[in-house]
C-alpha atoms as a PDB file:
ATOM      1  CA  UNK A   1     -67.055   2.540  98.420  1.00  0.00           C
ATOM      2  CA  UNK A   2     -69.902   4.705  99.595  1.00  0.00           C
ATOM      3  CA  UNK A   3     -69.770   5.285 103.356  1.00  0.00           C
ATOM      4  CA  UNK A   4     -72.936   6.506 105.001  1.00  0.00           C
ATOM      5  CA  UNK A   5     -72.467   8.431 108.264  1.00  0.00           C
ATOM      6  CA  UNK A   6     -72.924   6.203 111.305  1.00  0.00           C
ATOM      7  CA  UNK A   7     -74.013   3.142 109.361  1.00  0.00           C
ATOM      8  CA  UNK A   8     -71.238   0.946 110.788  1.00  0.00           C
ATOM      9  CA  UNK A   9     -71.112  -1.069 107.559  1.00  0.00           C
ATOM     10  CA  UNK A  10     -67.388  -1.045 106.718  1.00  0.00           C
ATOM     11  CA  UNK A  11     -65.694  -0.946 110.120  1.00  0.00           C
ATOM     12  CA  UNK A  12     -63.964  -4.320 109.781  1.00  0.00           C
ATOM     13  CA  UNK A  13     -62.480  -3.470 106.382  1.00  0.00           C
ATOM     14  CA  UNK A  14     -61.497   0.076 107.340  1.00  0.00           C
ATOM     15  CA  UNK A  15     -60.021  -0.949 110.707  1.00  0.00           C
ATOM     16  CA  UNK A  16     -57.951  -3.628 108.965  1.00  0.00           C
ATOM     17  CA  UNK A  17     -56.719  -1.123 106.404  1.00  0.00           C
ATOM     18  CA  UNK A  18     -55.888   1.408 109.108  1.00  0.00           C
ATOM     19  CA  UNK A  19     -53.922  -1.212 110.996  1.00  0.00           C
ATOM     20  CA  UNK A  20     -51.847  -2.163 107.919  1.00  0.00           C
ATOM     21  CA  UNK A  21     -51.271   1.457 106.903  1.00  0.00           C
ATOM     22  CA  UNK A  22     -50.260   2.529 110.415  1.00  0.00           C
ATOM     23  CA  UNK A  23     -47.824  -0.394 110.532  1.00  0.00           C
ATOM     24  CA  UNK A  24     -46.259   0.692 107.249  1.00  0.00           C
ATOM     25  CA  UNK A  25     -46.026   4.289 108.519  1.00  0.00           C
ATOM     26  CA  UNK A  26     -44.227   3.121 111.667  1.00  0.00           C
ATOM     27  CA  UNK A  27     -41.849   0.937 109.676  1.00  0.00           C
ATOM     28  CA  UNK A  28     -40.941   3.833 107.388  1.00  0.00           C
ATOM     29  CA  UNK A  29     -40.365   6.122 110.367  1.00  0.00           C
ATOM     30  CA  UNK A  30     -38.286   3.484 112.160  1.00  0.00           C
ATOM     31  CA  UNK A  31     -36.016   2.730 109.210  1.00  0.00           C
ATOM     32  CA  UNK A  32     -35.634   6.131 107.555  1.00  0.00           C
ATOM     33  CA  UNK A  33     -36.390   9.017 109.936  1.00  0.00           C
ATOM     34  CA  UNK A  34     -34.645   8.233 113.247  1.00  0.00           C
ATOM     35  CA  UNK A  35     -32.209  11.135 112.887  1.00  0.00           C
ATOM     36  CA  UNK A  36     -34.916  13.820 113.112  1.00  0.00           C
ATOM     37  CA  UNK A  37     -35.450  15.920 116.251  1.00  0.00           C
ATOM     38  CA  UNK A  38     -37.886  14.464 118.783  1.00  0.00           C
ATOM     39  CA  UNK A  39     -38.035  11.207 116.808  1.00  0.00           C
ATOM     40  CA  UNK A  40     -38.545   9.026 119.898  1.00  0.00           C
ATOM     41  CA  UNK A  41     -41.591  10.969 121.114  1.00  0.00           C
ATOM     42  CA  UNK A  42     -43.166  11.167 117.672  1.00  0.00           C
ATOM     43  CA  UNK A  43     -42.487   7.498 116.943  1.00  0.00           C
ATOM     44  CA  UNK A  44     -44.032   6.537 120.287  1.00  0.00           C
ATOM     45  CA  UNK A  45     -47.202   8.406 119.283  1.00  0.00           C
ATOM     46  CA  UNK A  46     -47.196   6.845 115.809  1.00  0.00           C
ATOM     47  CA  UNK A  47     -46.854   3.429 117.422  1.00  0.00           C
ATOM     48  CA  UNK A  48     -49.812   4.271 119.679  1.00  0.00           C
ATOM     49  CA  UNK A  49     -51.798   4.886 116.492  1.00  0.00           C
ATOM     50  CA  UNK A  50     -50.880   1.377 115.326  1.00  0.00           C
ATOM     51  CA  UNK A  51     -51.737  -0.134 118.717  1.00  0.00           C
ATOM     52  CA  UNK A  52     -55.055   1.701 118.841  1.00  0.00           C
ATOM     53  CA  UNK A  53     -55.890   0.615 115.285  1.00  0.00           C
ATOM     54  CA  UNK A  54     -55.306  -3.023 116.328  1.00  0.00           C
ATOM     55  CA  UNK A  55     -57.473  -2.494 119.403  1.00  0.00           C
ATOM     56  CA  UNK A  56     -60.266  -0.919 117.340  1.00  0.00           C
ATOM     57  CA  UNK A  57     -60.194  -3.840 114.933  1.00  0.00           C
ATOM     58  CA  UNK A  58     -60.438  -6.297 117.839  1.00  0.00           C
ATOM     59  CA  UNK A  59     -63.265  -4.341 119.520  1.00  0.00           C
ATOM     60  CA  UNK A  60     -65.176  -4.293 116.243  1.00  0.00           C
ATOM     61  CA  UNK A  61     -65.076  -8.099 116.282  1.00  0.00           C
ATOM     62  CA  UNK A  62     -66.414  -7.983 119.858  1.00  0.00           C
ATOM     63  CA  UNK A  63     -69.282  -5.743 118.734  1.00  0.00           C
ATOM     64  CA  UNK A  64     -68.375  -2.925 121.130  1.00  0.00           C
ATOM     65  CA  UNK A  65     -69.530   0.017 119.031  1.00  0.00           C
ATOM     66  CA  UNK A  66     -69.312   2.585 121.814  1.00  0.00           C
ATOM     67  CA  UNK A  67     -65.674   1.700 122.522  1.00  0.00           C
ATOM     68  CA  UNK A  68     -64.828   1.717 118.805  1.00  0.00           C
ATOM     69  CA  UNK A  69     -66.350   5.180 118.401  1.00  0.00           C
ATOM     70  CA  UNK A  70     -64.549   6.512 121.489  1.00  0.00           C
ATOM     71  CA  UNK A  71     -61.166   5.196 120.352  1.00  0.00           C
ATOM     72  CA  UNK A  72     -61.627   6.371 116.763  1.00  0.00           C
ATOM     73  CA  UNK A  73     -62.397   9.868 118.045  1.00  0.00           C
ATOM     74  CA  UNK A  74     -59.225   9.856 120.210  1.00  0.00           C
ATOM     75  CA  UNK A  75     -57.165   8.539 117.311  1.00  0.00           C
ATOM     76  CA  UNK A  76     -58.013  11.511 115.103  1.00  0.00           C
ATOM     77  CA  UNK A  77     -56.320  14.003 117.414  1.00  0.00           C
ATOM     78  CA  UNK A  78     -53.284  11.797 117.930  1.00  0.00           C
ATOM     79  CA  UNK A  79     -52.885  11.272 114.169  1.00  0.00           C
ATOM     80  CA  UNK A  80     -53.018  14.984 113.411  1.00  0.00           C
ATOM     81  CA  UNK A  81     -50.470  15.660 116.151  1.00  0.00           C
ATOM     82  CA  UNK A  82     -48.054  13.126 114.606  1.00  0.00           C
ATOM     83  CA  UNK A  83     -48.757  14.535 111.150  1.00  0.00           C
ATOM     84  CA  UNK A  84     -47.843  18.000 112.419  1.00  0.00           C
ATOM     85  CA  UNK A  85     -44.667  16.783 114.177  1.00  0.00           C
ATOM     86  CA  UNK A  86     -43.390  15.090 111.008  1.00  0.00           C
ATOM     87  CA  UNK A  87     -43.685  18.211 108.840  1.00  0.00           C
ATOM     88  CA  UNK A  88     -40.250  19.238 107.658  1.00  0.00           C
ATOM     89  CA  UNK A  89     -38.520  15.972 108.564  1.00  0.00           C
ATOM     90  CA  UNK A  90     -35.772  14.747 106.268  1.00  0.00           C
ATOM     91  CA  UNK A  91     -35.287  11.184 105.107  1.00  0.00           C
ATOM     92  CA  UNK A  92     -32.122   9.098 105.164  1.00  0.00           C
ATOM     93  CA  UNK A  93     -32.854   6.180 102.907  1.00  0.00           C
ATOM     94  CA  UNK A  94     -32.032   2.896 104.593  1.00  0.00           C
ATOM     95  CA  UNK A  95     -34.959   0.758 103.525  1.00  0.00           C
ATOM     96  CA  UNK A  96     -37.907   1.267 101.207  1.00  0.00           C
ATOM     97  CA  UNK A  97     -41.149   0.451 102.978  1.00  0.00           C
ATOM     98  CA  UNK A  98     -44.064  -0.101 100.615  1.00  0.00           C
ATOM     99  CA  UNK A  99     -44.355   1.704  97.328  1.00  0.00           C
ATOM    100  CA  UNK A 100     -44.789   5.280  98.480  1.00  0.00           C
ATOM    101  CA  UNK A 101     -43.095   7.954 100.532  1.00  0.00           C
ATOM    102  CA  UNK A 102     -43.916   9.259 103.967  1.00  0.00           C
ATOM    103  CA  UNK A 103     -46.329  11.947 102.787  1.00  0.00           C
ATOM    104  CA  UNK A 104     -48.361   9.437 100.767  1.00  0.00           C
ATOM    105  CA  UNK A 105     -48.473   7.087 103.762  1.00  0.00           C
ATOM    106  CA  UNK A 106     -49.767   9.921 105.953  1.00  0.00           C
ATOM    107  CA  UNK A 107     -52.435  10.735 103.372  1.00  0.00           C
ATOM    108  CA  UNK A 108     -53.579   7.086 103.240  1.00  0.00           C
ATOM    109  CA  UNK A 109     -53.783   6.823 107.021  1.00  0.00           C
ATOM    110  CA  UNK A 110     -55.696  10.101 107.171  1.00  0.00           C
ATOM    111  CA  UNK A 111     -58.153   9.064 104.458  1.00  0.00           C
ATOM    112  CA  UNK A 112     -58.790   5.689 106.049  1.00  0.00           C
ATOM    113  CA  UNK A 113     -59.157   7.161 109.532  1.00  0.00           C
ATOM    114  CA  UNK A 114     -61.638   9.778 108.349  1.00  0.00           C
ATOM    115  CA  UNK A 115     -63.669   7.185 106.446  1.00  0.00           C
ATOM    116  CA  UNK A 116     -63.685   5.023 109.586  1.00  0.00           C
ATOM    117  CA  UNK A 117     -64.821   8.007 111.649  1.00  0.00           C
ATOM    118  CA  UNK A 118     -67.668   8.608 109.224  1.00  0.00           C
ATOM    119  CA  UNK A 119     -68.690   4.936 109.265  1.00  0.00           C
ATOM    120  CA  UNK A 120     -68.875   4.777 113.066  1.00  0.00           C
ATOM    121  CA  UNK A 121     -70.639   8.145 113.290  1.00  0.00           C
ATOM    122  CA  UNK A 122     -67.862  10.301 114.697  1.00  0.00           C
ATOM    123  CA  UNK A 123     -67.609  13.870 113.450  1.00  0.00           C
ATOM    124  CA  UNK A 124     -64.071  15.144 113.325  1.00  0.00           C
ATOM    125  CA  UNK A 125     -62.644  18.563 112.651  1.00  0.00           C
ATOM    126  CA  UNK A 126     -61.214  17.463 109.299  1.00  0.00           C
ATOM    127  CA  UNK A 127     -62.910  16.678 105.984  1.00  0.00           C
ATOM    128  CA  UNK A 128     -62.165  13.140 104.751  1.00  0.00           C
ATOM    129  CA  UNK A 129     -60.203  12.831 101.497  1.00  0.00           C
ATOM    130  CA  UNK A 130     -61.911  11.155  98.562  1.00  0.00           C
ATOM    131  CA  UNK A 131     -59.944   7.925  98.180  1.00  0.00           C
ATOM    132  CA  UNK A 132     -58.711   5.134 100.397  1.00  0.00           C
ATOM    133  CA  UNK A 133     -56.088   2.635  99.270  1.00  0.00           C
ATOM    134  CA  UNK A 134     -55.482  -0.820 100.683  1.00  0.00           C
ATOM    135  CA  UNK A 135     -51.699  -0.854 101.005  1.00  0.00           C
ATOM    136  CA  UNK A 136     -50.404  -3.853 102.953  1.00  0.00           C
ATOM    137  CA  UNK A 137     -47.070  -4.969 104.350  1.00  0.00           C
ATOM    138  CA  UNK A 138     -46.340  -8.271 106.048  1.00  0.00           C
ATOM    139  CA  UNK A 139     -43.602  -6.903 108.324  1.00  0.00           C
ATOM    140  CA  UNK A 140     -44.579  -5.599 111.753  1.00  0.00           C
ATOM    141  CA  UNK A 141     -43.321  -2.261 113.047  1.00  0.00           C
ATOM    142  CA  UNK A 142     -40.972  -2.510 116.026  1.00  0.00           C
ATOM    143  CA  UNK A 143     -42.140  -1.092 119.343  1.00  0.00           C
ATOM    144  CA  UNK A 144     -40.748   2.287 120.359  1.00  0.00           C
ATOM    145  CA  UNK A 145     -37.433   2.251 122.189  1.00  0.00           C
ATOM    146  CA  UNK A 146     -37.543   3.397 125.792  1.00  0.00           C
END
């Protein structure tokens, strides 16, 4: 789909996709990456991405464009921090979540987030990838352990 900067034409679709993709990312982390260093902190941040994506989707339905833009801008930095933390992690296969691996899930979340940023008129430091996929999973990621 063509996304014009700041047009606010695809926010509902993109926010829904981001929510589903962030959930799948959290599920994969929860089931297959718990043994990695600093897992709890990184998972907590990944879960905040999911929570923020849900909030953005809800605020879009309330018509609060300023809040959506503010939260989308915050989400970009948090996502890239999680993406950086996960580099070099190893996987212990316990459960396949979706049809792709962790790197592909990160790429989908990044593409969707950057398209959403463009649609709400937020300029980020990263260039959005070309394609966005609509991967979905009916299971909900568990909250981070305290």
